């Protein structure tokens, strides 16, 4: 009995020592987790404060952007003091002409205008977009602008000459069928 009692006592002491050692390890681990949790909570507070600051800045910038946007609604407008039909503002004509210069088909003009307005000024409301017929009519406007710019350049040139013509002037077509050389800065262009 003596031997079994000693064995039982040593086993109990071993278990007690193991339990005490594990308990100390758990307390150390618990303290390290508490420290990590506190630092994570502090970091979370800092991140929440930074997020609130960024959101307030974003709201301020959005308010400034709305103030800076000169045209909150895109659509036909009637000039002040006139009693005619509403017409498209000049910036819409400018967008239509830019798309035509870049060889965009008239049927894709509305989608391009919508994407530009959505990207550049997302706060604007698109009430109405130009019809395909209007964009096709803009080709005539573009032709007149190009002809006026060509005539202006010819008037400003010191010397110019006709290089080639496809004889379309006999059929009373416009001046656009000529190839002309202009002397600018001692070079022919």
Protein backbone atom coordinates (compact mmCIF):
# COMPACT_ATOMS: atom_id res chain seq x y z
CA UNK A 1 0.00 0.00 0.00
CA UNK A 2 2.79 2.25 0.72
CA UNK A 3 4.09 1.99 -2.77
CA UNK A 4 0.72 2.62 -4.43
CA UNK A 5 0.12 5.59 -2.17
CA UNK A 6 3.50 7.06 -3.16
CA UNK A 7 2.77 6.45 -6.80
CA UNK A 8 -0.62 8.06 -6.45
CA UNK A 9 0.90 11.03 -4.60
CA UNK A 10 3.65 11.55 -7.23
CA UNK A 11 1.09 11.24 -9.98
CA UNK A 12 -1.11 13.80 -8.21
CA UNK A 13 1.88 16.13 -7.76
CA UNK A 14 2.83 15.73 -11.43
CA UNK A 15 -0.76 16.54 -12.48
CA UNK A 16 -0.78 19.49 -10.09
CA UNK A 17 2.51 20.80 -11.49
CA UNK A 18 1.33 20.29 -15.06
CA UNK A 19 -1.98 22.02 -14.26
CA UNK A 20 -0.16 24.91 -12.58
CA UNK A 21 2.23 25.28 -15.51
CA UNK A 22 -0.63 25.17 -18.02
CA UNK A 23 -2.62 27.68 -15.94
CA UNK A 24 0.37 30.07 -15.94
CA UNK A 25 0.73 29.62 -19.72
CA UNK A 26 -2.99 30.31 -20.16
CA UNK A 27 -2.75 33.46 -18.01
CA UNK A 28 0.24 34.69 -20.06
CA UNK A 29 -1.61 33.90 -23.29
CA UNK A 30 -4.73 35.61 -21.98
CA UNK A 31 -2.75 38.73 -21.10
CA UNK A 32 -1.15 38.81 -24.56
CA UNK A 33 -4.61 38.42 -26.16
CA UNK A 34 -5.92 41.26 -23.97
CA UNK A 35 -3.06 43.49 -25.12
CA UNK A 36 -3.66 42.57 -28.78
CA UNK A 37 -7.39 43.17 -28.37
CA UNK A 38 -6.80 46.59 -26.79
CA UNK A 39 -4.39 47.60 -29.55
CA UNK A 40 -6.86 46.35 -32.20
CA UNK A 41 -9.67 48.35 -30.54
CA UNK A 42 -7.47 51.46 -30.51
CA UNK A 43 -6.59 50.91 -34.15
CA UNK A 44 -10.27 50.38 -34.96
CA UNK A 45 -11.15 53.67 -33.21
CA UNK A 46 -8.47 55.46 -35.21
CA UNK A 47 -9.73 53.91 -38.45
CA UNK A 48 -13.33 54.86 -37.61
CA UNK A 49 -12.26 58.43 -36.89
CA UNK A 50 -10.32 58.56 -40.15
CA UNK A 51 -13.32 57.14 -42.02
CA UNK A 52 -15.62 59.76 -40.53
CA UNK A 53 -13.16 62.48 -41.49
CA UNK A 54 -12.91 61.17 -45.06
CA UNK A 55 -16.70 60.93 -45.32
CA UNK A 56 -17.11 64.50 -44.12
CA UNK A 57 -14.49 65.67 -46.63
CA UNK A 58 -16.27 63.73 -49.37
CA UNK A 59 -19.59 65.33 -48.44
CA UNK A 60 -17.96 68.77 -48.44
CA UNK A 61 -16.42 68.13 -51.84
CA UNK A 62 -19.75 66.84 -53.18
CA UNK A 63 -21.45 70.03 -52.00
CA UNK A 64 -18.73 72.12 -53.63
CA UNK A 65 -19.06 70.10 -56.83
CA UNK A 66 -22.80 70.73 -56.92
CA UNK A 67 -22.14 74.43 -56.44
CA UNK A 68 -19.55 74.43 -59.24
CA UNK A 69 -21.73 72.58 -61.73
CA UNK A 70 -23.22 75.35 -63.87
CA UNK A 71 -25.77 73.10 -65.51
CA UNK A 72 -27.56 70.76 -63.11
CA UNK A 73 -30.02 69.45 -65.72
CA UNK A 74 -29.08 68.50 -69.28
CA UNK A 75 -31.77 69.04 -71.87
CA UNK A 76 -33.18 71.61 -74.22
CA UNK A 77 -33.33 75.12 -72.81
CA UNK A 78 -35.16 78.27 -73.73
CA UNK A 79 -33.08 81.43 -73.75
CA UNK A 80 -34.13 84.00 -71.16
CA UNK A 81 -36.46 86.60 -72.56
CA UNK A 82 -37.25 84.71 -75.77
CA UNK A 83 -40.47 83.02 -76.72
CA UNK A 84 -39.23 80.45 -79.19
CA UNK A 85 -38.91 76.73 -79.04
CA UNK A 86 -36.23 75.40 -76.67
CA UNK A 87 -32.92 74.48 -78.26
CA UNK A 88 -29.83 72.53 -77.29
CA UNK A 89 -27.21 74.45 -75.32
CA UNK A 90 -23.83 75.05 -76.93
CA UNK A 91 -21.97 72.49 -74.80
CA UNK A 92 -24.26 69.73 -76.13
CA UNK A 93 -23.56 70.87 -79.71
CA UNK A 94 -19.87 70.87 -78.85
CA UNK A 95 -20.06 67.28 -77.61
CA UNK A 96 -21.97 66.20 -80.73
CA UNK A 97 -19.40 67.85 -83.00
CA UNK A 98 -16.47 66.32 -81.10
CA UNK A 99 -17.95 62.86 -81.56
CA UNK A 100 -18.49 63.45 -85.26
CA UNK A 101 -14.92 64.72 -85.67
CA UNK A 102 -13.71 61.49 -84.03
CA UNK A 103 -15.75 59.44 -86.53
CA UNK A 104 -18.38 58.29 -84.05
CA UNK A 105 -21.58 57.21 -85.72
CA UNK A 106 -24.65 59.35 -84.96
CA UNK A 107 -26.42 56.36 -83.41
CA UNK A 108 -23.67 56.09 -80.77
CA UNK A 109 -23.71 59.80 -79.93
CA UNK A 110 -26.28 59.60 -77.13
CA UNK A 111 -24.50 56.77 -75.35
CA UNK A 112 -21.21 58.68 -75.56
CA UNK A 113 -22.79 61.90 -74.25
CA UNK A 114 -24.42 59.97 -71.40
CA UNK A 115 -21.10 58.34 -70.44
CA UNK A 116 -19.19 61.65 -70.59
CA UNK A 117 -21.74 63.44 -68.42
CA UNK A 118 -21.86 60.51 -65.99
CA UNK A 119 -18.07 60.46 -65.69
CA UNK A 120 -17.35 64.20 -65.64
CA UNK A 121 -20.33 65.44 -63.66
CA UNK A 122 -22.17 62.61 -61.94
CA UNK A 123 -24.50 65.00 -60.09
CA UNK A 124 -26.14 66.22 -63.28
CA UNK A 125 -29.57 64.98 -64.26
CA UNK A 126 -30.06 64.02 -67.90
CA UNK A 127 -33.58 65.10 -68.75
CA UNK A 128 -33.25 64.73 -72.50
CA UNK A 129 -30.59 63.84 -75.07
CA UNK A 130 -30.37 64.88 -78.73
CA UNK A 131 -32.10 62.69 -81.27
CA UNK A 132 -30.19 60.83 -83.96
CA UNK A 133 -31.70 63.26 -86.47
CA UNK A 134 -30.21 66.20 -84.56
CA UNK A 135 -26.80 64.51 -84.45
CA UNK A 136 -27.02 63.87 -88.19
CA UNK A 137 -27.85 67.54 -88.74
CA UNK A 138 -24.75 68.37 -86.73
CA UNK A 139 -22.72 66.93 -89.61
CA UNK A 140 -23.88 69.88 -91.72
CA UNK A 141 -22.87 72.28 -88.95
CA UNK A 142 -19.48 70.57 -88.74
CA UNK A 143 -19.03 70.88 -92.52
CA UNK A 144 -19.74 74.62 -92.34
CA UNK A 145 -17.27 75.04 -89.48
CA UNK A 146 -14.58 73.14 -91.39
CA UNK A 147 -15.18 75.22 -94.52
CA UNK A 148 -15.03 78.45 -92.52
CA UNK A 149 -11.77 77.38 -90.87
CA UNK A 150 -10.29 76.40 -94.24
CA UNK A 151 -11.31 79.76 -95.74
CA UNK A 152 -9.84 81.57 -92.74
CA UNK A 153 -6.57 79.70 -93.12
CA UNK A 154 -6.45 80.52 -96.83
CA UNK A 155 -7.08 84.20 -96.14
CA UNK A 156 -4.29 84.30 -93.54
CA UNK A 157 -1.80 82.53 -95.85
CA UNK A 158 0.71 84.59 -97.77
CA UNK A 159 0.83 82.20 -100.69
CA UNK A 160 -1.25 79.20 -101.69
CA UNK A 161 -2.01 77.20 -104.80
CA UNK A 162 -4.25 74.45 -106.06
CA UNK A 163 -2.51 71.10 -106.33
CA UNK A 164 -5.36 68.83 -107.45
CA UNK A 165 -9.06 68.90 -108.14
CA UNK A 166 -11.41 66.08 -109.01
CA UNK A 167 -13.38 68.40 -111.33
CA UNK A 168 -16.38 68.39 -109.02
CA UNK A 169 -16.68 72.17 -109.29
CA UNK A 170 -18.26 71.61 -112.72
CA UNK A 171 -21.13 69.90 -110.95
CA UNK A 172 -21.39 72.86 -108.57
CA UNK A 173 -20.08 71.06 -105.55
CA UNK A 174 -18.39 73.07 -102.88
CA UNK A 175 -14.76 73.97 -102.49
CA UNK A 176 -14.05 70.87 -100.38
CA UNK A 177 -12.90 68.74 -103.32
CA UNK A 178 -9.70 70.71 -103.87
CA UNK A 179 -6.29 69.86 -102.56
CA UNK A 180 -4.53 73.11 -101.71
CA UNK A 181 -0.99 73.84 -100.63
CA UNK A 182 -0.45 76.68 -98.15
CA UNK A 183 2.91 78.32 -97.53
CA UNK A 184 3.48 78.86 -93.81
CA UNK A 185 6.87 79.74 -92.34
CA UNK A 186 8.69 78.99 -95.61
CA UNK A 187 7.13 75.52 -95.80
CA UNK A 188 4.28 74.27 -97.94
CA UNK A 189 1.61 72.39 -96.07
